[in-house]
Amino acid sequence: MEIRAGYDIAFQCFQETPMVLMLSIEPARVSDLLSEHKILFSPDVQARDYIDMFGNTCTRITAPAGLIEMRNEFLIADSGLPDQVAPDARQLEVGELPDDVLIYLLGSRYCDTEKLSDLAWALFGGVTPGWQRVQAICDYAHDRICFGYQHARSDRTAYEGHEERIGVCRDFAHLAVTLCRCMNIPARYCTGYLGDIGVPIDPAPMDFSAWFEVYLDGRWFTFDARHNHPRIGRIVMARGRDAADVAISTNFGTVQLVRFCVTTEENTQTARVSKAA
């Protein structure tokens, strides 16, 4: 299948402002692109990409004072398959984990493991280690938090989300990631595109989505505490310890977000042509 995705974002800058953007898809998906993937700026600014410590593509610019607009639209091939389910995936002992995975066992800015460790062991210590334990954590986070865009808050930690019981997709992911780490399961935060493909259309405006991945049986598996069932058409933009590592924009100066539109949907025009052929 083909997915059409992109965004139209604008910031008002009150002075010349250096920015680091994470608005590109992950390098591993570049080979799936069916059209150009390029950030278009208005006014035109000089942009330079680099790869950060987590393997994400970051874009550096210096935005002039005033309005700066960022747009992208692209087509990408996708398998059309839902997230993989592997009930027999084994939880590895800490001593078995690769060196580069250990960082995803540690607390981080929004994943305050020290505040949730006792709760995690009380709730999940008796659950079979591996996939069943992660699914139990996912179920708990899904049931614990009430979703609502009006509940968005940029500084809410996993513990605060647990106590307040409200949030958006990042809060579901932070809570599940934190509980996994408390149980010695490496977990990392993901952000990207997730359209309403194969599910009822959500009438709310489209947004980037957040989910998480866990390391079981020597590889990473996708979980989604907000939706809590396998989904089709995820396009990862960035991964990190938590949302602080994958912010779509990091601004070194005062800016105001004035427009934010995200698109991600199956390219039904191509699908219709294929069926007709």
C-alpha atoms as a PDB file:
ATOM      1  CA  MET A   1       0.000   0.000   0.000  1.00  0.00           C
ATOM      2  CA  GLU A   2       0.974   3.658  -0.342  1.00  0.00           C
ATOM      3  CA  ILE A   3       0.657   6.282   2.375  1.00  0.00           C
ATOM      4  CA  ARG A   4       0.506  10.012   1.779  1.00  0.00           C
ATOM      5  CA  ALA A   5       1.959  11.992   4.676  1.00  0.00           C
ATOM      6  CA  GLY A   6       3.267  15.432   5.500  1.00  0.00           C
ATOM      7  CA  TYR A   7       2.736  18.596   7.490  1.00  0.00           C
ATOM      8  CA  ASP A   8       2.244  22.352   7.312  1.00  0.00           C
ATOM      9  CA  ILE A   9       3.721  24.048  10.374  1.00  0.00           C
ATOM     10  CA  ALA A  10       4.407  27.710  11.099  1.00  0.00           C
ATOM     11  CA  PHE A  11       6.150  29.535  13.926  1.00  0.00           C
ATOM     12  CA  GLN A  12       6.281  33.235  14.762  1.00  0.00           C
ATOM     13  CA  CYS A  13       9.820  34.113  15.820  1.00  0.00           C
ATOM     14  CA  PHE A  14      10.352  37.243  17.880  1.00  0.00           C
ATOM     15  CA  GLN A  15      14.022  37.457  16.960  1.00  0.00           C
ATOM     16  CA  GLU A  16      16.485  35.473  14.868  1.00  0.00           C
ATOM     17  CA  THR A  17      16.256  32.009  16.403  1.00  0.00           C
ATOM     18  CA  PRO A  18      18.410  28.900  15.939  1.00  0.00           C
ATOM     19  CA  MET A  19      16.249  25.755  15.772  1.00  0.00           C
ATOM     20  CA  VAL A  20      16.791  22.002  15.656  1.00  0.00           C
ATOM     21  CA  LEU A  21      13.947  20.168  13.909  1.00  0.00           C
ATOM     22  CA  MET A  22      12.989  16.484  13.908  1.00  0.00           C
ATOM     23  CA  LEU A  23      10.633  16.461  10.969  1.00  0.00           C
ATOM     24  CA  SER A  24      12.243  13.769   8.808  1.00  0.00           C
ATOM     25  CA  ILE A  25      11.338  10.098   8.687  1.00  0.00           C
ATOM     26  CA  GLU A  26      13.777   7.588  10.164  1.00  0.00           C
ATOM     27  CA  PRO A  27      16.734   6.745   7.873  1.00  0.00           C
ATOM     28  CA  ALA A  28      15.651   3.086   7.636  1.00  0.00           C
ATOM     29  CA  ARG A  29      12.463   4.103   5.764  1.00  0.00           C
ATOM     30  CA  VAL A  30      14.111   6.358   3.184  1.00  0.00           C
ATOM     31  CA  SER A  31      14.336   3.435   0.750  1.00  0.00           C
ATOM     32  CA  ASP A  32      10.506   3.121   0.920  1.00  0.00           C
ATOM     33  CA  LEU A  33       9.926   6.660  -0.352  1.00  0.00           C
ATOM     34  CA  LEU A  34       7.990   6.944  -3.615  1.00  0.00           C
ATOM     35  CA  SER A  35       8.409  10.701  -3.923  1.00  0.00           C
ATOM     36  CA  GLU A  36      10.768  13.401  -2.720  1.00  0.00           C
ATOM     37  CA  HIS A  37      10.939  13.937   1.026  1.00  0.00           C
ATOM     38  CA  LYS A  38      12.136  17.480   1.621  1.00  0.00           C
ATOM     39  CA  ILE A  39      11.358  20.172   4.152  1.00  0.00           C
ATOM     40  CA  LEU A  40      10.343  23.360   2.337  1.00  0.00           C
ATOM     41  CA  PHE A  41      10.876  26.602   4.241  1.00  0.00           C
ATOM     42  CA  SER A  42       9.264  29.983   3.665  1.00  0.00           C
ATOM     43  CA  PRO A  43      11.162  32.249   3.747  1.00  0.00           C
ATOM     44  CA  ASP A  44      13.948  30.066   2.389  1.00  0.00           C
ATOM     45  CA  VAL A  45      16.661  29.406   4.968  1.00  0.00           C
ATOM     46  CA  GLN A  46      19.866  27.422   4.942  1.00  0.00           C
ATOM     47  CA  ALA A  47      19.308  23.978   6.469  1.00  0.00           C
ATOM     48  CA  ARG A  48      21.740  21.246   7.421  1.00  0.00           C
ATOM     49  CA  ASP A  49      20.981  17.677   8.518  1.00  0.00           C
ATOM     50  CA  TYR A  50      22.894  15.568  11.012  1.00  0.00           C
ATOM     51  CA  ILE A  51      22.305  12.223  12.745  1.00  0.00           C
ATOM     52  CA  ASP A  52      21.988  12.352  16.535  1.00  0.00           C
ATOM     53  CA  MET A  53      23.132   9.784  19.107  1.00  0.00           C
ATOM     54  CA  PHE A  54      19.879   7.802  18.706  1.00  0.00           C
ATOM     55  CA  GLY A  55      20.119   7.558  14.914  1.00  0.00           C
ATOM     56  CA  ASN A  56      17.513  10.252  14.211  1.00  0.00           C
ATOM     57  CA  THR A  57      17.782  12.771  11.381  1.00  0.00           C
ATOM     58  CA  CYS A  58      17.879  16.307  12.771  1.00  0.00           C
ATOM     59  CA  THR A  59      17.734  19.543  10.766  1.00  0.00           C
ATOM     60  CA  ARG A  60      19.481  22.731  11.900  1.00  0.00           C
ATOM     61  CA  ILE A  61      18.280  26.157  10.783  1.00  0.00           C
ATOM     62  CA  THR A  62      18.418  29.735  11.958  1.00  0.00           C
ATOM     63  CA  ALA A  63      14.958  31.209  11.541  1.00  0.00           C
ATOM     64  CA  PRO A  64      14.728  34.950  10.871  1.00  0.00           C
ATOM     65  CA  ALA A  65      12.495  37.200  12.949  1.00  0.00           C
ATOM     66  CA  GLY A  66       8.883  36.929  11.815  1.00  0.00           C
ATOM     67  CA  LEU A  67       6.838  34.063  10.412  1.00  0.00           C
ATOM     68  CA  ILE A  68       8.602  30.914   9.248  1.00  0.00           C
ATOM     69  CA  GLU A  69       6.637  28.143   7.511  1.00  0.00           C
ATOM     70  CA  MET A  70       7.704  24.503   7.139  1.00  0.00           C
ATOM     71  CA  ARG A  71       5.998  22.123   4.729  1.00  0.00           C
ATOM     72  CA  ASN A  72       6.484  18.609   3.437  1.00  0.00           C
ATOM     73  CA  GLU A  73       4.338  16.107   1.553  1.00  0.00           C
ATOM     74  CA  PHE A  74       5.503  12.689   0.406  1.00  0.00           C
ATOM     75  CA  LEU A  75       4.391   9.215  -0.640  1.00  0.00           C
ATOM     76  CA  ILE A  76       5.841   6.145   1.024  1.00  0.00           C
ATOM     77  CA  ALA A  77       5.367   2.421   0.439  1.00  0.00           C
ATOM     78  CA  ASP A  78       4.139   0.375   3.383  1.00  0.00           C
ATOM     79  CA  SER A  79       3.573  -3.339   3.885  1.00  0.00           C
ATOM     80  CA  GLY A  80      -0.002  -2.724   5.005  1.00  0.00           C
ATOM     81  CA  LEU A  81       0.565  -5.198   7.837  1.00  0.00           C
ATOM     82  CA  PRO A  82      -0.372  -4.436  11.453  1.00  0.00           C
ATOM     83  CA  ASP A  83       2.196  -4.280  14.253  1.00  0.00           C
ATOM     84  CA  GLN A  84       3.750  -7.674  14.890  1.00  0.00           C
ATOM     85  CA  VAL A  85       2.447  -9.730  17.809  1.00  0.00           C
ATOM     86  CA  ALA A  86       4.879 -12.270  19.304  1.00  0.00           C
ATOM     87  CA  PRO A  87       3.395 -13.824  22.465  1.00  0.00           C
ATOM     88  CA  ASP A  88       6.421 -16.084  22.976  1.00  0.00           C
ATOM     89  CA  ALA A  89       9.003 -13.262  22.865  1.00  0.00           C
ATOM     90  CA  ARG A  90      11.332 -13.718  25.826  1.00  0.00           C
ATOM     91  CA  GLN A  91      12.500 -11.089  28.299  1.00  0.00           C
ATOM     92  CA  LEU A  92      16.284 -11.150  28.419  1.00  0.00           C
ATOM     93  CA  GLU A  93      18.232 -10.969  31.652  1.00  0.00           C
ATOM     94  CA  VAL A  94      20.053  -7.669  32.097  1.00  0.00           C
ATOM     95  CA  GLY A  95      23.388  -9.457  31.703  1.00  0.00           C
ATOM     96  CA  GLU A  96      22.295 -10.668  28.254  1.00  0.00           C
ATOM     97  CA  LEU A  97      21.444  -7.222  26.894  1.00  0.00           C
ATOM     98  CA  PRO A  98      23.671  -5.494  24.302  1.00  0.00           C
ATOM     99  CA  ASP A  99      25.607  -2.505  25.602  1.00  0.00           C
ATOM    100  CA  ASP A 100      23.711   0.012  23.474  1.00  0.00           C
ATOM    101  CA  VAL A 101      20.357  -1.158  24.873  1.00  0.00           C
ATOM    102  CA  LEU A 102      21.204  -0.541  28.540  1.00  0.00           C
ATOM    103  CA  ILE A 103      20.445   3.191  28.284  1.00  0.00           C
ATOM    104  CA  TYR A 104      16.779   2.276  27.798  1.00  0.00           C
ATOM    105  CA  LEU A 105      16.653   0.780  31.306  1.00  0.00           C
ATOM    106  CA  LEU A 106      17.555   4.082  32.966  1.00  0.00           C
ATOM    107  CA  GLY A 107      15.330   6.859  34.219  1.00  0.00           C
ATOM    108  CA  SER A 108      15.114   9.965  32.048  1.00  0.00           C
ATOM    109  CA  ARG A 109      13.547  13.411  32.089  1.00  0.00           C
ATOM    110  CA  TYR A 110       9.922  12.278  31.721  1.00  0.00           C
ATOM    111  CA  CYS A 111      10.378   8.654  32.791  1.00  0.00           C
ATOM    112  CA  ASP A 112      10.888   8.944  36.550  1.00  0.00           C
ATOM    113  CA  THR A 113      11.489   5.270  37.329  1.00  0.00           C
ATOM    114  CA  GLU A 114      12.422   5.858  40.958  1.00  0.00           C
ATOM    115  CA  LYS A 115       8.865   7.007  41.723  1.00  0.00           C
ATOM    116  CA  LEU A 116       7.138   4.046  40.061  1.00  0.00           C
ATOM    117  CA  SER A 117       9.463   1.106  40.756  1.00  0.00           C
ATOM    118  CA  ASP A 118       7.666  -0.210  43.848  1.00  0.00           C
ATOM    119  CA  LEU A 119       4.295   0.052  42.121  1.00  0.00           C
ATOM    120  CA  ALA A 120       5.601  -1.720  39.024  1.00  0.00           C
ATOM    121  CA  TRP A 121       6.931  -4.697  40.959  1.00  0.00           C
ATOM    122  CA  ALA A 122       3.735  -4.919  43.023  1.00  0.00           C
ATOM    123  CA  LEU A 123       1.575  -4.927  39.888  1.00  0.00           C
ATOM    124  CA  PHE A 124       3.669  -6.912  37.419  1.00  0.00           C
ATOM    125  CA  GLY A 125       6.153  -8.938  39.439  1.00  0.00           C
ATOM    126  CA  GLY A 126       3.874 -11.967  39.260  1.00  0.00           C
ATOM    127  CA  VAL A 127       3.194 -11.693  35.518  1.00  0.00           C
ATOM    128  CA  THR A 128       5.115 -14.015  33.184  1.00  0.00           C
ATOM    129  CA  PRO A 129       8.249 -12.148  32.007  1.00  0.00           C
ATOM    130  CA  GLY A 130       8.389 -11.243  28.334  1.00  0.00           C
ATOM    131  CA  TRP A 131       5.529 -10.369  26.014  1.00  0.00           C
ATOM    132  CA  GLN A 132       2.830 -11.092  28.605  1.00  0.00           C
ATOM    133  CA  ARG A 133       4.412  -8.713  31.111  1.00  0.00           C
ATOM    134  CA  VAL A 134       4.749  -5.917  28.545  1.00  0.00           C
ATOM    135  CA  GLN A 135       1.154  -6.416  27.423  1.00  0.00           C
ATOM    136  CA  ALA A 136      -0.006  -6.248  31.043  1.00  0.00           C
ATOM    137  CA  ILE A 137       1.865  -2.949  31.427  1.00  0.00           C
ATOM    138  CA  CYS A 138       0.341  -1.673  28.182  1.00  0.00           C
ATOM    139  CA  ASP A 139      -3.140  -2.644  29.377  1.00  0.00           C
ATOM    140  CA  TYR A 140      -2.569  -0.887  32.682  1.00  0.00           C
ATOM    141  CA  ALA A 141      -1.361   2.366  31.103  1.00  0.00           C
ATOM    142  CA  HIS A 142      -4.223   2.267  28.595  1.00  0.00           C
ATOM    143  CA  ASP A 143      -6.810   1.900  31.377  1.00  0.00           C
ATOM    144  CA  ARG A 144      -5.121   4.274  33.819  1.00  0.00           C
ATOM    145  CA  ILE A 145      -5.052   7.418  31.656  1.00  0.00           C
ATOM    146  CA  CYS A 146      -8.018   9.193  30.078  1.00  0.00           C
ATOM    147  CA  PHE A 147      -7.125  10.610  26.664  1.00  0.00           C
ATOM    148  CA  GLY A 148      -8.001  14.180  25.701  1.00  0.00           C
ATOM    149  CA  TYR A 149      -6.201  16.820  23.626  1.00  0.00           C
ATOM    150  CA  GLN A 150      -7.273  19.380  26.221  1.00  0.00           C
ATOM    151  CA  HIS A 151      -5.145  17.462  28.758  1.00  0.00           C
ATOM    152  CA  ALA A 152      -1.854  18.092  26.902  1.00  0.00           C
ATOM    153  CA  ARG A 153       0.946  19.422  29.081  1.00  0.00           C
ATOM    154  CA  SER A 154       4.558  19.615  27.961  1.00  0.00           C
ATOM    155  CA  ASP A 155       6.166  19.014  31.360  1.00  0.00           C
ATOM    156  CA  ARG A 156       4.086  16.076  32.688  1.00  0.00           C
ATOM    157  CA  THR A 157       6.196  13.119  33.844  1.00  0.00           C
ATOM    158  CA  ALA A 158       5.166   9.477  33.863  1.00  0.00           C
ATOM    159  CA  TYR A 159       4.513   9.586  37.606  1.00  0.00           C
ATOM    160  CA  GLU A 160       2.397  12.742  37.270  1.00  0.00           C
ATOM    161  CA  GLY A 161       0.451  11.179  34.418  1.00  0.00           C
ATOM    162  CA  HIS A 162      -0.178   8.141  36.581  1.00  0.00           C
ATOM    163  CA  GLU A 163      -1.462  10.269  39.442  1.00  0.00           C
ATOM    164  CA  GLU A 164      -3.464  12.764  37.347  1.00  0.00           C
ATOM    165  CA  ARG A 165      -4.913   9.983  35.153  1.00  0.00           C
ATOM    166  CA  ILE A 166      -5.235  12.290  32.130  1.00  0.00           C
ATOM    167  CA  GLY A 167      -3.055  12.990  29.138  1.00  0.00           C
ATOM    168  CA  VAL A 168      -2.325  12.590  25.451  1.00  0.00           C
ATOM    169  CA  CYS A 169      -0.446   9.878  23.559  1.00  0.00           C
ATOM    170  CA  ARG A 170       2.948  10.959  24.917  1.00  0.00           C
ATOM    171  CA  ASP A 171       1.682  10.451  28.480  1.00  0.00           C
ATOM    172  CA  PHE A 172       0.486   6.915  27.724  1.00  0.00           C
ATOM    173  CA  ALA A 173       3.888   6.147  26.193  1.00  0.00           C
ATOM    174  CA  HIS A 174       5.857   7.698  29.046  1.00  0.00           C
ATOM    175  CA  LEU A 175       3.943   5.712  31.667  1.00  0.00           C
ATOM    176  CA  ALA A 176       4.328   2.402  29.817  1.00  0.00           C
ATOM    177  CA  VAL A 177       8.021   3.020  29.074  1.00  0.00           C
ATOM    178  CA  THR A 178       8.697   3.847  32.708  1.00  0.00           C
ATOM    179  CA  LEU A 179       6.905   0.782  34.059  1.00  0.00           C
ATOM    180  CA  CYS A 180       8.785  -1.437  31.590  1.00  0.00           C
ATOM    181  CA  ARG A 181      12.125  -0.002  32.663  1.00  0.00           C
ATOM    182  CA  CYS A 182      11.197  -0.559  36.303  1.00  0.00           C
ATOM    183  CA  MET A 183      10.767  -4.247  35.406  1.00  0.00           C
ATOM    184  CA  ASN A 184      14.191  -4.366  33.660  1.00  0.00           C
ATOM    185  CA  ILE A 185      12.632  -4.362  30.193  1.00  0.00           C
ATOM    186  CA  PRO A 186      14.409  -1.936  27.824  1.00  0.00           C
ATOM    187  CA  ALA A 187      11.876   0.500  26.419  1.00  0.00           C
ATOM    188  CA  ARG A 188      12.213   3.505  24.130  1.00  0.00           C
ATOM    189  CA  TYR A 189       9.882   6.309  23.101  1.00  0.00           C
ATOM    190  CA  CYS A 190       8.836   6.737  19.451  1.00  0.00           C
ATOM    191  CA  THR A 191       7.182   9.552  17.558  1.00  0.00           C
ATOM    192  CA  GLY A 192       5.887   9.648  14.017  1.00  0.00           C
ATOM    193  CA  TYR A 193       2.894   9.373  11.725  1.00  0.00           C
ATOM    194  CA  LEU A 194      -0.060   7.115  12.487  1.00  0.00           C
ATOM    195  CA  GLY A 195      -3.141   7.560  10.336  1.00  0.00           C
ATOM    196  CA  ASP A 196      -6.614   6.078  10.717  1.00  0.00           C
ATOM    197  CA  ILE A 197      -5.861   3.171   8.387  1.00  0.00           C
ATOM    198  CA  GLY A 198      -7.950   0.063   8.997  1.00  0.00           C
ATOM    199  CA  VAL A 199      -9.820   1.726  11.882  1.00  0.00           C
ATOM    200  CA  PRO A 200     -12.760   4.175  12.131  1.00  0.00           C
ATOM    201  CA  ILE A 201     -11.792   7.727  11.194  1.00  0.00           C
ATOM    202  CA  ASP A 202     -11.107   9.965  14.177  1.00  0.00           C
ATOM    203  CA  PRO A 203     -12.843  13.327  13.575  1.00  0.00           C
ATOM    204  CA  ALA A 204     -10.241  15.198  15.655  1.00  0.00           C
ATOM    205  CA  PRO A 205      -7.505  17.079  13.759  1.00  0.00           C
ATOM    206  CA  MET A 206      -4.543  14.893  12.765  1.00  0.00           C
ATOM    207  CA  ASP A 207      -1.397  15.071  14.892  1.00  0.00           C
ATOM    208  CA  PHE A 208       1.898  13.280  15.158  1.00  0.00           C
ATOM    209  CA  SER A 209       1.589  10.237  17.395  1.00  0.00           C
ATOM    210  CA  ALA A 210       3.660   8.687  20.178  1.00  0.00           C
ATOM    211  CA  TRP A 211       4.111   5.001  20.980  1.00  0.00           C
ATOM    212  CA  PHE A 212       6.926   2.848  22.352  1.00  0.00           C
ATOM    213  CA  GLU A 213       9.159  -0.108  21.577  1.00  0.00           C
ATOM    214  CA  VAL A 214      10.498  -2.799  23.899  1.00  0.00           C
ATOM    215  CA  TYR A 215      13.524  -5.038  23.514  1.00  0.00           C
ATOM    216  CA  LEU A 216      12.550  -8.713  23.758  1.00  0.00           C
ATOM    217  CA  ASP A 217      14.228 -11.812  22.330  1.00  0.00           C
ATOM    218  CA  GLY A 218      17.035  -9.771  20.788  1.00  0.00           C
ATOM    219  CA  ARG A 219      14.935  -7.260  18.803  1.00  0.00           C
ATOM    220  CA  TRP A 220      12.599  -4.297  19.190  1.00  0.00           C
ATOM    221  CA  PHE A 221       8.800  -4.707  19.144  1.00  0.00           C
ATOM    222  CA  THR A 222       6.149  -1.989  18.812  1.00  0.00           C
ATOM    223  CA  PHE A 223       3.510  -1.353  21.494  1.00  0.00           C
ATOM    224  CA  ASP A 224       0.953   1.442  21.745  1.00  0.00           C
ATOM    225  CA  ALA A 225      -0.544   2.143  25.162  1.00  0.00           C
ATOM    226  CA  ARG A 226      -3.015   4.708  23.897  1.00  0.00           C
ATOM    227  CA  HIS A 227      -4.672   2.550  21.230  1.00  0.00           C
ATOM    228  CA  ASN A 228      -3.626  -0.808  22.725  1.00  0.00           C
ATOM    229  CA  HIS A 229      -4.091  -2.884  19.599  1.00  0.00           C
ATOM    230  CA  PRO A 230      -1.940  -3.488  16.496  1.00  0.00           C
ATOM    231  CA  ARG A 231      -2.165  -0.673  13.955  1.00  0.00           C
ATOM    232  CA  ILE A 232      -1.313  -0.317  10.284  1.00  0.00           C
ATOM    233  CA  GLY A 233       0.918   2.295   8.688  1.00  0.00           C
ATOM    234  CA  ARG A 234       3.223   3.612  11.385  1.00  0.00           C
ATOM    235  CA  ILE A 235       5.995   5.838  10.021  1.00  0.00           C
ATOM    236  CA  VAL A 236       8.684   6.474  12.630  1.00  0.00           C
ATOM    237  CA  MET A 237      10.275   9.904  12.662  1.00  0.00           C
ATOM    238  CA  ALA A 238      12.445   9.577  15.748  1.00  0.00           C
ATOM    239  CA  ARG A 239      13.227   7.426  18.783  1.00  0.00           C
ATOM    240  CA  GLY A 240      14.758   8.305  22.129  1.00  0.00           C
ATOM    241  CA  ARG A 241      14.604   7.907  25.882  1.00  0.00           C
ATOM    242  CA  ASP A 242      11.467  10.056  26.084  1.00  0.00           C
ATOM    243  CA  ALA A 243       9.820  13.059  24.436  1.00  0.00           C
ATOM    244  CA  ALA A 244      12.723  15.342  25.336  1.00  0.00           C
ATOM    245  CA  ASP A 245      14.933  13.470  22.861  1.00  0.00           C
ATOM    246  CA  VAL A 246      12.492  13.644  19.938  1.00  0.00           C
ATOM    247  CA  ALA A 247      10.860  17.084  20.073  1.00  0.00           C
ATOM    248  CA  ILE A 248       9.737  18.189  16.603  1.00  0.00           C
ATOM    249  CA  SER A 249      11.397  21.540  17.301  1.00  0.00           C
ATOM    250  CA  THR A 250      13.923  22.714  19.849  1.00  0.00           C
ATOM    251  CA  ASN A 251      14.085  26.500  19.796  1.00  0.00           C
ATOM    252  CA  PHE A 252      16.965  28.529  21.165  1.00  0.00           C
ATOM    253  CA  GLY A 253      14.853  31.622  21.657  1.00  0.00           C
ATOM    254  CA  THR A 254      11.193  32.580  22.048  1.00  0.00           C
ATOM    255  CA  VAL A 255       8.794  31.398  19.326  1.00  0.00           C
ATOM    256  CA  GLN A 256       5.041  30.946  19.048  1.00  0.00           C
ATOM    257  CA  LEU A 257       3.397  28.055  17.202  1.00  0.00           C
ATOM    258  CA  VAL A 258       0.794  29.593  14.892  1.00  0.00           C
ATOM    259  CA  ARG A 259      -0.113  26.710  12.573  1.00  0.00           C
ATOM    260  CA  PHE A 260       0.121  22.943  12.915  1.00  0.00           C
ATOM    261  CA  CYS A 261      -1.417  20.611  10.357  1.00  0.00           C
ATOM    262  CA  VAL A 262      -0.427  16.953   9.907  1.00  0.00           C
ATOM    263  CA  THR A 263      -1.586  14.559   7.177  1.00  0.00           C
ATOM    264  CA  THR A 264      -1.197  10.781   7.063  1.00  0.00           C
ATOM    265  CA  GLU A 265      -3.595   8.601   5.112  1.00  0.00           C
ATOM    266  CA  GLU A 266      -3.714   5.744   2.662  1.00  0.00           C
ATOM    267  CA  ASN A 267      -3.241   6.954  -0.892  1.00  0.00           C
ATOM    268  CA  THR A 268      -6.680   5.758  -1.959  1.00  0.00           C
ATOM    269  CA  GLN A 269      -6.413   7.199  -5.477  1.00  0.00           C
ATOM    270  CA  THR A 270      -3.535   4.816  -6.242  1.00  0.00           C
ATOM    271  CA  ALA A 271      -5.393   1.991  -4.472  1.00  0.00           C
ATOM    272  CA  ARG A 272      -8.461   2.545  -6.695  1.00  0.00           C
ATOM    273  CA  VAL A 273      -6.333   2.577  -9.849  1.00  0.00           C
ATOM    274  CA  SER A 274      -4.628  -0.665  -8.796  1.00  0.00           C
ATOM    275  CA  LYS A 275      -7.962  -2.390  -8.124  1.00  0.00           C
ATOM    276  CA  ALA A 276      -9.354  -1.201 -11.442  1.00  0.00           C
ATOM    277  CA  ALA A 277      -6.297  -2.527 -13.268  1.00  0.00           C
END
